[in-house]
Amino acid sequence: MPRRRKRGRVRFRFGRLCYKPCGIPANTLDSVVLTHDEMEAIRLADLEGMYQQDASELMQISRPTFSRLLERAHRKVADALINSKAIELEEWPDIRENGEGQDE
């Protein structure tokens, strides 16, 4: 039985997001879904320019786990851009244990 997935600490609350190619109705597109952890990894590494070690410590996950998250996120974004797919961000769960998911 696989180990239960540990969610990283996400310091930024992303709203309901969906990006799609121009001029194509959304209901005709395939889509890829980014998790909040993947979106946070992209934000920290690509937008903020943080080193993977520093970003992984901020998210409270190991550096190899951060690297896998970032690789998976980059693959999903590349797939969407190259194959004209919509990019959606997963919705926040209604109940977050111990304030997980948002750090004020």
PDB file of N, CA and C in Angstrom:
ATOM      1  N   MET A   1       0.841  -1.173   0.000  1.00  0.00           N
ATOM      2  CA  MET A   1       0.000   0.000   0.000  1.00  0.00           C
ATOM      3  C   MET A   1       0.889   1.241   0.000  1.00  0.00           C
ATOM      4  N   PRO A   2       0.643   2.186  -0.910  1.00  0.00           N
ATOM      5  CA  PRO A   2       1.494   3.372  -0.976  1.00  0.00           C
ATOM      6  C   PRO A   2       1.338   4.247   0.264  1.00  0.00           C
ATOM      7  N   ARG A   3       2.400   4.966   0.530  1.00  0.00           N
ATOM      8  CA  ARG A   3       2.407   5.896   1.648  1.00  0.00           C
ATOM      9  C   ARG A   3       1.459   7.056   1.365  1.00  0.00           C
ATOM     10  N   ARG A   4       0.783   7.548   2.405  1.00  0.00           N
ATOM     11  CA  ARG A   4      -0.117   8.696   2.258  1.00  0.00           C
ATOM     12  C   ARG A   4       0.677   9.924   1.824  1.00  0.00           C
ATOM     13  N   ARG A   5       0.173  10.643   0.844  1.00  0.00           N
ATOM     14  CA  ARG A   5       0.858  11.804   0.300  1.00  0.00           C
ATOM     15  C   ARG A   5       0.830  12.964   1.281  1.00  0.00           C
ATOM     16  N   LYS A   6       2.007  13.502   1.565  1.00  0.00           N
ATOM     17  CA  LYS A   6       2.098  14.663   2.444  1.00  0.00           C
ATOM     18  C   LYS A   6       2.026  15.920   1.589  1.00  0.00           C
ATOM     19  N   ARG A   7       1.119  16.802   1.921  1.00  0.00           N
ATOM     20  CA  ARG A   7       1.015  18.061   1.188  1.00  0.00           C
ATOM     21  C   ARG A   7       2.064  19.034   1.715  1.00  0.00           C
ATOM     22  N   GLY A   8       2.662  19.763   0.795  1.00  0.00           N
ATOM     23  CA  GLY A   8       3.629  20.781   1.185  1.00  0.00           C
ATOM     24  C   GLY A   8       2.918  22.012   1.712  1.00  0.00           C
ATOM     25  N   ARG A   9       3.651  22.846   2.380  1.00  0.00           N
ATOM     26  CA  ARG A   9       3.082  24.086   2.885  1.00  0.00           C
ATOM     27  C   ARG A   9       2.991  25.077   1.741  1.00  0.00           C
ATOM     28  N   VAL A  10       1.802  25.521   1.443  1.00  0.00           N
ATOM     29  CA  VAL A  10       1.567  26.489   0.378  1.00  0.00           C
ATOM     30  C   VAL A  10       1.338  27.838   1.033  1.00  0.00           C
ATOM     31  N   ARG A  11       2.210  28.804   0.732  1.00  0.00           N
ATOM     32  CA  ARG A  11       2.156  30.088   1.399  1.00  0.00           C
ATOM     33  C   ARG A  11       1.306  31.110   0.649  1.00  0.00           C
ATOM     34  N   PHE A  12       0.850  30.773  -0.515  1.00  0.00           N
ATOM     35  CA  PHE A  12       0.079  31.703  -1.325  1.00  0.00           C
ATOM     36  C   PHE A  12      -1.222  31.019  -1.699  1.00  0.00           C
ATOM     37  N   ARG A  13      -2.331  31.677  -1.475  1.00  0.00           N
ATOM     38  CA  ARG A  13      -3.623  31.074  -1.820  1.00  0.00           C
ATOM     39  C   ARG A  13      -3.995  31.491  -3.238  1.00  0.00           C
ATOM     40  N   PHE A  14      -3.971  30.521  -4.120  1.00  0.00           N
ATOM     41  CA  PHE A  14      -4.320  30.759  -5.510  1.00  0.00           C
ATOM     42  C   PHE A  14      -5.830  30.697  -5.641  1.00  0.00           C
ATOM     43  N   GLY A  15      -6.403  31.584  -6.418  1.00  0.00           N
ATOM     44  CA  GLY A  15      -7.840  31.554  -6.665  1.00  0.00           C
ATOM     45  C   GLY A  15      -8.195  30.462  -7.662  1.00  0.00           C
ATOM     46  N   ARG A  16      -9.436  30.418  -8.031  1.00  0.00           N
ATOM     47  CA  ARG A  16      -9.891  29.459  -9.047  1.00  0.00           C
ATOM     48  C   ARG A  16      -9.315  29.920 -10.374  1.00  0.00           C
ATOM     49  N   LEU A  17      -8.424  29.128 -10.928  1.00  0.00           N
ATOM     50  CA  LEU A  17      -7.739  29.525 -12.145  1.00  0.00           C
ATOM     51  C   LEU A  17      -7.993  28.552 -13.274  1.00  0.00           C
ATOM     52  N   CYS A  18      -8.100  29.079 -14.460  1.00  0.00           N
ATOM     53  CA  CYS A  18      -8.164  28.272 -15.669  1.00  0.00           C
ATOM     54  C   CYS A  18      -7.607  29.133 -16.798  1.00  0.00           C
ATOM     55  N   TYR A  19      -6.620  28.603 -17.488  1.00  0.00           N
ATOM     56  CA  TYR A  19      -6.060  29.280 -18.647  1.00  0.00           C
ATOM     57  C   TYR A  19      -6.308  28.392 -19.853  1.00  0.00           C
ATOM     58  N   LYS A  20      -6.698  29.001 -20.964  1.00  0.00           N
ATOM     59  CA  LYS A  20      -6.996  28.215 -22.150  1.00  0.00           C
ATOM     60  C   LYS A  20      -6.517  28.941 -23.389  1.00  0.00           C
ATOM     61  N   PRO A  21      -6.353  28.219 -24.476  1.00  0.00           N
ATOM     62  CA  PRO A  21      -5.970  28.863 -25.734  1.00  0.00           C
ATOM     63  C   PRO A  21      -7.063  29.822 -26.210  1.00  0.00           C
ATOM     64  N   CYS A  22      -6.671  30.917 -26.812  1.00  0.00           N
ATOM     65  CA  CYS A  22      -7.626  31.916 -27.316  1.00  0.00           C
ATOM     66  C   CYS A  22      -8.444  31.348 -28.470  1.00  0.00           C
ATOM     67  N   GLY A  23      -9.702  31.741 -28.518  1.00  0.00           N
ATOM     68  CA  GLY A  23     -10.545  31.426 -29.652  1.00  0.00           C
ATOM     69  C   GLY A  23     -11.102  30.017 -29.708  1.00  0.00           C
ATOM     70  N   ILE A  24     -10.852  29.219 -28.681  1.00  0.00           N
ATOM     71  CA  ILE A  24     -11.369  27.858 -28.654  1.00  0.00           C
ATOM     72  C   ILE A  24     -12.292  27.733 -27.445  1.00  0.00           C
ATOM     73  N   PRO A  25     -13.532  27.308 -27.638  1.00  0.00           N
ATOM     74  CA  PRO A  25     -14.441  27.158 -26.499  1.00  0.00           C
ATOM     75  C   PRO A  25     -13.888  26.155 -25.472  1.00  0.00           C
ATOM     76  N   ALA A  26     -13.981  26.516 -24.201  1.00  0.00           N
ATOM     77  CA  ALA A  26     -13.424  25.686 -23.127  1.00  0.00           C
ATOM     78  C   ALA A  26     -14.022  24.287 -23.101  1.00  0.00           C
ATOM     79  N   ASN A  27     -15.304  24.163 -23.465  1.00  0.00           N
ATOM     80  CA  ASN A  27     -15.940  22.849 -23.371  1.00  0.00           C
ATOM     81  C   ASN A  27     -15.456  21.880 -24.453  1.00  0.00           C
ATOM     82  N   THR A  28     -14.676  22.361 -25.408  1.00  0.00           N
ATOM     83  CA  THR A  28     -14.141  21.476 -26.449  1.00  0.00           C
ATOM     84  C   THR A  28     -12.688  21.090 -26.192  1.00  0.00           C
ATOM     85  N   LEU A  29     -12.092  21.626 -25.138  1.00  0.00           N
ATOM     86  CA  LEU A  29     -10.670  21.399 -24.867  1.00  0.00           C
ATOM     87  C   LEU A  29     -10.439  20.290 -23.849  1.00  0.00           C
ATOM     88  N   ASP A  30      -9.358  19.547 -24.037  1.00  0.00           N
ATOM     89  CA  ASP A  30      -8.838  18.700 -22.975  1.00  0.00           C
ATOM     90  C   ASP A  30      -8.138  19.636 -21.996  1.00  0.00           C
ATOM     91  N   SER A  31      -7.900  19.165 -20.785  1.00  0.00           N
ATOM     92  CA  SER A  31      -7.232  20.030 -19.817  1.00  0.00           C
ATOM     93  C   SER A  31      -6.240  19.234 -18.987  1.00  0.00           C
ATOM     94  N   VAL A  32      -5.309  19.958 -18.391  1.00  0.00           N
ATOM     95  CA  VAL A  32      -4.400  19.405 -17.397  1.00  0.00           C
ATOM     96  C   VAL A  32      -4.696  20.137 -16.096  1.00  0.00           C
ATOM     97  N   VAL A  33      -4.552  19.442 -14.987  1.00  0.00           N
ATOM     98  CA  VAL A  33      -4.853  20.023 -13.682  1.00  0.00           C
ATOM     99  C   VAL A  33      -3.570  20.108 -12.864  1.00  0.00           C
ATOM    100  N   LEU A  34      -3.221  21.322 -12.458  1.00  0.00           N
ATOM    101  CA  LEU A  34      -2.080  21.531 -11.577  1.00  0.00           C
ATOM    102  C   LEU A  34      -2.559  21.480 -10.128  1.00  0.00           C
ATOM    103  N   THR A  35      -1.820  20.762  -9.287  1.00  0.00           N
ATOM    104  CA  THR A  35      -2.137  20.761  -7.860  1.00  0.00           C
ATOM    105  C   THR A  35      -1.598  22.048  -7.246  1.00  0.00           C
ATOM    106  N   HIS A  36      -2.047  22.362  -6.052  1.00  0.00           N
ATOM    107  CA  HIS A  36      -1.551  23.562  -5.377  1.00  0.00           C
ATOM    108  C   HIS A  36      -0.069  23.442  -5.080  1.00  0.00           C
ATOM    109  N   ASP A  37       0.384  22.225  -4.743  1.00  0.00           N
ATOM    110  CA  ASP A  37       1.813  22.024  -4.497  1.00  0.00           C
ATOM    111  C   ASP A  37       2.628  22.301  -5.761  1.00  0.00           C
ATOM    112  N   GLU A  38       2.131  21.844  -6.907  1.00  0.00           N
ATOM    113  CA  GLU A  38       2.832  22.083  -8.165  1.00  0.00           C
ATOM    114  C   GLU A  38       2.858  23.573  -8.502  1.00  0.00           C
ATOM    115  N   MET A  39       1.752  24.240  -8.289  1.00  0.00           N
ATOM    116  CA  MET A  39       1.682  25.683  -8.564  1.00  0.00           C
ATOM    117  C   MET A  39       2.627  26.457  -7.639  1.00  0.00           C
ATOM    118  N   GLU A  40       2.682  26.055  -6.383  1.00  0.00           N
ATOM    119  CA  GLU A  40       3.585  26.707  -5.434  1.00  0.00           C
ATOM    120  C   GLU A  40       5.036  26.462  -5.831  1.00  0.00           C
ATOM    121  N   ALA A  41       5.353  25.268  -6.290  1.00  0.00           N
ATOM    122  CA  ALA A  41       6.718  24.963  -6.732  1.00  0.00           C
ATOM    123  C   ALA A  41       7.108  25.853  -7.911  1.00  0.00           C
ATOM    124  N   ILE A  42       6.198  26.019  -8.871  1.00  0.00           N
ATOM    125  CA  ILE A  42       6.464  26.908 -10.008  1.00  0.00           C
ATOM    126  C   ILE A  42       6.650  28.348  -9.532  1.00  0.00           C
ATOM    127  N   ARG A  43       5.799  28.784  -8.620  1.00  0.00           N
ATOM    128  CA  ARG A  43       5.891  30.166  -8.117  1.00  0.00           C
ATOM    129  C   ARG A  43       7.243  30.417  -7.452  1.00  0.00           C
ATOM    130  N   LEU A  44       7.642  29.496  -6.577  1.00  0.00           N
ATOM    131  CA  LEU A  44       8.880  29.697  -5.833  1.00  0.00           C
ATOM    132  C   LEU A  44      10.110  29.599  -6.727  1.00  0.00           C
ATOM    133  N   ALA A  45      10.161  28.564  -7.568  1.00  0.00           N
ATOM    134  CA  ALA A  45      11.357  28.340  -8.385  1.00  0.00           C
ATOM    135  C   ALA A  45      11.436  29.293  -9.574  1.00  0.00           C
ATOM    136  N   ASP A  46      10.342  29.436 -10.298  1.00  0.00           N
ATOM    137  CA  ASP A  46      10.387  30.193 -11.548  1.00  0.00           C
ATOM    138  C   ASP A  46      10.085  31.680 -11.367  1.00  0.00           C
ATOM    139  N   LEU A  47       9.080  32.018 -10.587  1.00  0.00           N
ATOM    140  CA  LEU A  47       8.715  33.420 -10.415  1.00  0.00           C
ATOM    141  C   LEU A  47       9.603  34.115  -9.388  1.00  0.00           C
ATOM    142  N   GLU A  48       9.792  33.475  -8.233  1.00  0.00           N
ATOM    143  CA  GLU A  48      10.604  34.080  -7.175  1.00  0.00           C
ATOM    144  C   GLU A  48      12.101  33.825  -7.363  1.00  0.00           C
ATOM    145  N   GLY A  49      12.458  32.863  -8.234  1.00  0.00           N
ATOM    146  CA  GLY A  49      13.866  32.573  -8.506  1.00  0.00           C
ATOM    147  C   GLY A  49      14.600  31.893  -7.367  1.00  0.00           C
ATOM    148  N   MET A  50      13.885  31.192  -6.514  1.00  0.00           N
ATOM    149  CA  MET A  50      14.512  30.532  -5.368  1.00  0.00           C
ATOM    150  C   MET A  50      15.230  29.255  -5.795  1.00  0.00           C
ATOM    151  N   TYR A  51      16.296  28.920  -5.076  1.00  0.00           N
ATOM    152  CA  TYR A  51      16.956  27.640  -5.267  1.00  0.00           C
ATOM    153  C   TYR A  51      16.039  26.541  -4.741  1.00  0.00           C
ATOM    154  N   GLN A  52      16.157  25.350  -5.317  1.00  0.00           N
ATOM    155  CA  GLN A  52      15.276  24.252  -4.924  1.00  0.00           C
ATOM    156  C   GLN A  52      15.414  23.915  -3.438  1.00  0.00           C
ATOM    157  N   GLN A  53      16.612  23.958  -2.905  1.00  0.00           N
ATOM    158  CA  GLN A  53      16.798  23.633  -1.490  1.00  0.00           C
ATOM    159  C   GLN A  53      16.047  24.623  -0.596  1.00  0.00           C
ATOM    160  N   ASP A  54      16.163  25.912  -0.905  1.00  0.00           N
ATOM    161  CA  ASP A  54      15.487  26.936  -0.108  1.00  0.00           C
ATOM    162  C   ASP A  54      13.965  26.827  -0.247  1.00  0.00           C
ATOM    163  N   ALA A  55      13.506  26.596  -1.463  1.00  0.00           N
ATOM    164  CA  ALA A  55      12.063  26.471  -1.695  1.00  0.00           C
ATOM    165  C   ALA A  55      11.498  25.236  -1.002  1.00  0.00           C
ATOM    166  N   SER A  56      12.242  24.133  -1.026  1.00  0.00           N
ATOM    167  CA  SER A  56      11.758  22.909  -0.369  1.00  0.00           C
ATOM    168  C   SER A  56      11.662  23.101   1.138  1.00  0.00           C
ATOM    169  N   GLU A  57      12.612  23.821   1.721  1.00  0.00           N
ATOM    170  CA  GLU A  57      12.545  24.102   3.153  1.00  0.00           C
ATOM    171  C   GLU A  57      11.330  24.976   3.475  1.00  0.00           C
ATOM    172  N   LEU A  58      11.046  25.949   2.634  1.00  0.00           N
ATOM    173  CA  LEU A  58       9.895  26.818   2.830  1.00  0.00           C
ATOM    174  C   LEU A  58       8.593  26.022   2.757  1.00  0.00           C
ATOM    175  N   MET A  59       8.533  25.053   1.838  1.00  0.00           N
ATOM    176  CA  MET A  59       7.332  24.217   1.692  1.00  0.00           C
ATOM    177  C   MET A  59       7.308  23.060   2.696  1.00  0.00           C
ATOM    178  N   GLN A  60       8.386  22.893   3.432  1.00  0.00           N
ATOM    179  CA  GLN A  60       8.524  21.820   4.428  1.00  0.00           C
ATOM    180  C   GLN A  60       8.413  20.438   3.788  1.00  0.00           C
ATOM    181  N   ILE A  61       9.116  20.278   2.667  1.00  0.00           N
ATOM    182  CA  ILE A  61       9.223  18.988   1.996  1.00  0.00           C
ATOM    183  C   ILE A  61      10.689  18.778   1.647  1.00  0.00           C
ATOM    184  N   SER A  62      11.050  17.554   1.273  1.00  0.00           N
ATOM    185  CA  SER A  62      12.446  17.287   0.931  1.00  0.00           C
ATOM    186  C   SER A  62      12.782  17.900  -0.419  1.00  0.00           C
ATOM    187  N   ARG A  63      14.074  18.119  -0.662  1.00  0.00           N
ATOM    188  CA  ARG A  63      14.503  18.687  -1.928  1.00  0.00           C
ATOM    189  C   ARG A  63      14.176  17.769  -3.102  1.00  0.00           C
ATOM    190  N   PRO A  64      14.382  16.435  -2.986  1.00  0.00           N
ATOM    191  CA  PRO A  64      13.985  15.566  -4.101  1.00  0.00           C
ATOM    192  C   PRO A  64      12.481  15.614  -4.391  1.00  0.00           C
ATOM    193  N   THR A  65      11.660  15.725  -3.349  1.00  0.00           N
ATOM    194  CA  THR A  65      10.214  15.834  -3.550  1.00  0.00           C
ATOM    195  C   THR A  65       9.883  17.137  -4.272  1.00  0.00           C
ATOM    196  N   PHE A  66      10.541  18.224  -3.880  1.00  0.00           N
ATOM    197  CA  PHE A  66      10.328  19.502  -4.556  1.00  0.00           C
ATOM    198  C   PHE A  66      10.709  19.388  -6.026  1.00  0.00           C
ATOM    199  N   SER A  67      11.828  18.746  -6.297  1.00  0.00           N
ATOM    200  CA  SER A  67      12.288  18.576  -7.673  1.00  0.00           C
ATOM    201  C   SER A  67      11.278  17.786  -8.506  1.00  0.00           C
ATOM    202  N   ARG A  68      10.704  16.733  -7.928  1.00  0.00           N
ATOM    203  CA  ARG A  68       9.689  15.944  -8.637  1.00  0.00           C
ATOM    204  C   ARG A  68       8.428  16.762  -8.882  1.00  0.00           C
ATOM    205  N   LEU A  69       8.013  17.554  -7.896  1.00  0.00           N
ATOM    206  CA  LEU A  69       6.838  18.430  -8.070  1.00  0.00           C
ATOM    207  C   LEU A  69       7.058  19.416  -9.221  1.00  0.00           C
ATOM    208  N   LEU A  70       8.214  20.036  -9.222  1.00  0.00           N
ATOM    209  CA  LEU A  70       8.527  21.031 -10.241  1.00  0.00           C
ATOM    210  C   LEU A  70       8.599  20.385 -11.628  1.00  0.00           C
ATOM    211  N   GLU A  71       9.212  19.219 -11.712  1.00  0.00           N
ATOM    212  CA  GLU A  71       9.303  18.513 -12.992  1.00  0.00           C
ATOM    213  C   GLU A  71       7.910  18.140 -13.510  1.00  0.00           C
ATOM    214  N   ARG A  72       7.067  17.633 -12.612  1.00  0.00           N
ATOM    215  CA  ARG A  72       5.704  17.260 -13.001  1.00  0.00           C
ATOM    216  C   ARG A  72       4.909  18.487 -13.454  1.00  0.00           C
ATOM    217  N   ALA A  73       5.067  19.597 -12.747  1.00  0.00           N
ATOM    218  CA  ALA A  73       4.363  20.833 -13.108  1.00  0.00           C
ATOM    219  C   ALA A  73       4.828  21.346 -14.466  1.00  0.00           C
ATOM    220  N   HIS A  74       6.144  21.354 -14.688  1.00  0.00           N
ATOM    221  CA  HIS A  74       6.674  21.808 -15.970  1.00  0.00           C
ATOM    222  C   HIS A  74       6.173  20.922 -17.118  1.00  0.00           C
ATOM    223  N   ARG A  75       6.121  19.614 -16.888  1.00  0.00           N
ATOM    224  CA  ARG A  75       5.638  18.693 -17.917  1.00  0.00           C
ATOM    225  C   ARG A  75       4.175  18.974 -18.259  1.00  0.00           C
ATOM    226  N   LYS A  76       3.348  19.226 -17.230  1.00  0.00           N
ATOM    227  CA  LYS A  76       1.930  19.519 -17.458  1.00  0.00           C
ATOM    228  C   LYS A  76       1.746  20.826 -18.231  1.00  0.00           C
ATOM    229  N   VAL A  77       2.492  21.858 -17.856  1.00  0.00           N
ATOM    230  CA  VAL A  77       2.380  23.145 -18.534  1.00  0.00           C
ATOM    231  C   VAL A  77       2.848  23.016 -19.987  1.00  0.00           C
ATOM    232  N   ALA A  78       3.955  22.313 -20.207  1.00  0.00           N
ATOM    233  CA  ALA A  78       4.449  22.111 -21.576  1.00  0.00           C
ATOM    234  C   ALA A  78       3.427  21.344 -22.410  1.00  0.00           C
ATOM    235  N   ASP A  79       2.825  20.314 -21.845  1.00  0.00           N
ATOM    236  CA  ASP A  79       1.801  19.535 -22.545  1.00  0.00           C
ATOM    237  C   ASP A  79       0.638  20.437 -22.951  1.00  0.00           C
ATOM    238  N   ALA A  80       0.205  21.290 -22.027  1.00  0.00           N
ATOM    239  CA  ALA A  80      -0.919  22.180 -22.314  1.00  0.00           C
ATOM    240  C   ALA A  80      -0.567  23.192 -23.401  1.00  0.00           C
ATOM    241  N   LEU A  81       0.613  23.761 -23.339  1.00  0.00           N
ATOM    242  CA  LEU A  81       1.004  24.764 -24.327  1.00  0.00           C
ATOM    243  C   LEU A  81       1.202  24.152 -25.718  1.00  0.00           C
ATOM    244  N   ILE A  82       1.859  23.027 -25.784  1.00  0.00           N
ATOM    245  CA  ILE A  82       2.160  22.400 -27.072  1.00  0.00           C
ATOM    246  C   ILE A  82       0.915  21.776 -27.699  1.00  0.00           C
ATOM    247  N   ASN A  83       0.055  21.184 -26.880  1.00  0.00           N
ATOM    248  CA  ASN A  83      -1.103  20.447 -27.387  1.00  0.00           C
ATOM    249  C   ASN A  83      -2.424  21.209 -27.255  1.00  0.00           C
ATOM    250  N   SER A  84      -2.361  22.508 -27.054  1.00  0.00           N
ATOM    251  CA  SER A  84      -3.552  23.370 -26.949  1.00  0.00           C
ATOM    252  C   SER A  84      -4.580  22.834 -25.962  1.00  0.00           C
ATOM    253  N   LYS A  85      -4.144  22.622 -24.728  1.00  0.00           N
ATOM    254  CA  LYS A  85      -5.037  22.174 -23.656  1.00  0.00           C
ATOM    255  C   LYS A  85      -5.230  23.305 -22.660  1.00  0.00           C
ATOM    256  N   ALA A  86      -6.340  23.255 -21.943  1.00  0.00           N
ATOM    257  CA  ALA A  86      -6.578  24.215 -20.863  1.00  0.00           C
ATOM    258  C   ALA A  86      -5.738  23.807 -19.651  1.00  0.00           C
ATOM    259  N   ILE A  87      -5.335  24.775 -18.858  1.00  0.00           N
ATOM    260  CA  ILE A  87      -4.622  24.531 -17.600  1.00  0.00           C
ATOM    261  C   ILE A  87      -5.553  24.945 -16.478  1.00  0.00           C
ATOM    262  N   GLU A  88      -5.889  24.003 -15.613  1.00  0.00           N
ATOM    263  CA  GLU A  88      -6.758  24.291 -14.471  1.00  0.00           C
ATOM    264  C   GLU A  88      -5.987  24.073 -13.185  1.00  0.00           C
ATOM    265  N   LEU A  89      -6.353  24.821 -12.167  1.00  0.00           N
ATOM    266  CA  LEU A  89      -5.774  24.642 -10.839  1.00  0.00           C
ATOM    267  C   LEU A  89      -6.796  23.931  -9.981  1.00  0.00           C
ATOM    268  N   GLU A  90      -6.347  22.885  -9.283  1.00  0.00           N
ATOM    269  CA  GLU A  90      -7.287  22.137  -8.451  1.00  0.00           C
ATOM    270  C   GLU A  90      -7.935  23.059  -7.435  1.00  0.00           C
ATOM    271  N   GLU A  91      -9.156  22.745  -7.055  1.00  0.00           N
ATOM    272  CA  GLU A  91      -9.865  23.553  -6.066  1.00  0.00           C
ATOM    273  C   GLU A  91      -9.333  23.257  -4.676  1.00  0.00           C
ATOM    274  N   TRP A  92      -9.406  24.272  -3.806  1.00  0.00           N
ATOM    275  CA  TRP A  92      -9.014  24.074  -2.418  1.00  0.00           C
ATOM    276  C   TRP A  92     -10.004  23.118  -1.772  1.00  0.00           C
ATOM    277  N   PRO A  93      -9.530  22.210  -0.921  1.00  0.00           N
ATOM    278  CA  PRO A  93     -10.479  21.373  -0.185  1.00  0.00           C
ATOM    279  C   PRO A  93     -11.300  22.239   0.764  1.00  0.00           C
ATOM    280  N   ASP A  94     -12.543  21.820   1.016  1.00  0.00           N
ATOM    281  CA  ASP A  94     -13.411  22.596   1.911  1.00  0.00           C
ATOM    282  C   ASP A  94     -12.868  22.645   3.325  1.00  0.00           C
ATOM    283  N   ILE A  95     -12.299  21.548   3.791  1.00  0.00           N
ATOM    284  CA  ILE A  95     -11.792  21.471   5.160  1.00  0.00           C
ATOM    285  C   ILE A  95     -10.300  21.212   5.098  1.00  0.00           C
ATOM    286  N   ARG A  96      -9.539  22.112   5.722  1.00  0.00           N
ATOM    287  CA  ARG A  96      -8.102  21.942   5.788  1.00  0.00           C
ATOM    288  C   ARG A  96      -7.718  21.654   7.229  1.00  0.00           C
ATOM    289  N   GLU A  97      -7.046  20.542   7.435  1.00  0.00           N
ATOM    290  CA  GLU A  97      -6.634  20.151   8.779  1.00  0.00           C
ATOM    291  C   GLU A  97      -5.508  21.060   9.261  1.00  0.00           C
ATOM    292  N   ASN A  98      -5.600  21.522  10.488  1.00  0.00           N
ATOM    293  CA  ASN A  98      -4.568  22.329  11.139  1.00  0.00           C
ATOM    294  C   ASN A  98      -4.163  23.553  10.320  1.00  0.00           C
ATOM    295  N   GLY A  99      -5.119  24.152   9.608  1.00  0.00           N
ATOM    296  CA  GLY A  99      -4.819  25.338   8.837  1.00  0.00           C
ATOM    297  C   GLY A  99      -3.942  25.078   7.634  1.00  0.00           C
ATOM    298  N   GLU A 100      -3.809  23.805   7.260  1.00  0.00           N
ATOM    299  CA  GLU A 100      -2.957  23.450   6.131  1.00  0.00           C
ATOM    300  C   GLU A 100      -3.450  24.114   4.860  1.00  0.00           C
ATOM    301  N   GLY A 101      -2.525  24.589   4.044  1.00  0.00           N
ATOM    302  CA  GLY A 101      -2.910  25.159   2.780  1.00  0.00           C
ATOM    303  C   GLY A 101      -2.807  26.670   2.727  1.00  0.00           C
ATOM    304  N   GLN A 102      -2.900  27.333   3.844  1.00  0.00           N
ATOM    305  CA  GLN A 102      -2.770  28.785   3.834  1.00  0.00           C
ATOM    306  C   GLN A 102      -1.987  29.187   5.069  1.00  0.00           C
ATOM    307  N   ASP A 103      -0.985  29.977   4.879  1.00  0.00           N
ATOM    308  CA  ASP A 103      -0.146  30.439   5.980  1.00  0.00           C
ATOM    309  C   ASP A 103      -0.269  31.942   6.067  1.00  0.00           C
ATOM    310  N   GLU A 104      -0.886  32.425   7.079  1.00  0.00           N
ATOM    311  CA  GLU A 104      -1.101  33.868   7.257  1.00  0.00           C
ATOM    312  C   GLU A 104      -0.018  34.454   8.114  1.00  0.00           C
TER     313      GLU A 104
END
